[in-house]
Amino acid sequence: KAIELGVDMVELDVRLCKSGELMVIHDEKVNRTTNGYGRVKDKTLAELKVLDDGKEQWIPTLKEVLALIDQRVMVNIELKGEKTALPAVELISIFVEEKGWDKDLFLASSFDHKELKRFRMFDPFSRVGLLFDKSQDNIFELAKKLNCYSVHPSVKLTTKQFVDEAHQNGLRVFVYTVNTPSDFRKLREMGVDGVFSDFPDW
């Protein structure tokens, strides 16, 4: 649907399940969005695949989603939880080397900066984005250490001064979550490079 609406990039969250696959799901538990109970990391792929949301929709793997996207837009993979970095690196490598994807179609991001460090250790070249929801004095220092492509502040943290400083440090600024026209106009005037939105058609 997002691609149909003409977005430049899709953002999705991945968690590692018990059998080792990266699943595209936001929550730590399946309780809220499916007819099942329990944590994603405690369930195998087979156990997760029998769950649905009541509308005959199932939890996809990252591999399935990437195959569906098929290079039509960029993909921002948010690493949720521990041990997601290495399997994400491995999957990106497969799609670049075997499927012909351009490496710049991928962006890995996370609030878990330790997991981002692990990602960067395994993959020195893919684009990395630093997510944060609290003001941090060392954000640009950390972004430099990780050789980040972008920083991803919440809408409430974003100021013109921050955007200008990020650009001076060679960083793109992608702001989450922008769901009102007034916020969008304000951020556009600040010069941000992109926004996350639940309503891209707006």
Foldseek 3Di string as FASTA:
>chain_A
DVVVLPDQEDEFEWDAACQGFTWTDDDQWCVPQWPDTDGRNDDDPVRQQVIHRVPPDGTHTPLVVCVVCLQSHAYEYEYDDPPPQVVVLVSLCCCVPPVVHDLASYEYEYCPLVSLVVNCVVPVDHAYEYEDEDDDPCVLVSCVVSVHQAYEYELVPDDLVVCVVCVVSNHAYEYPDDEDPVSVVRVVVSPHPYYHYPCPSD
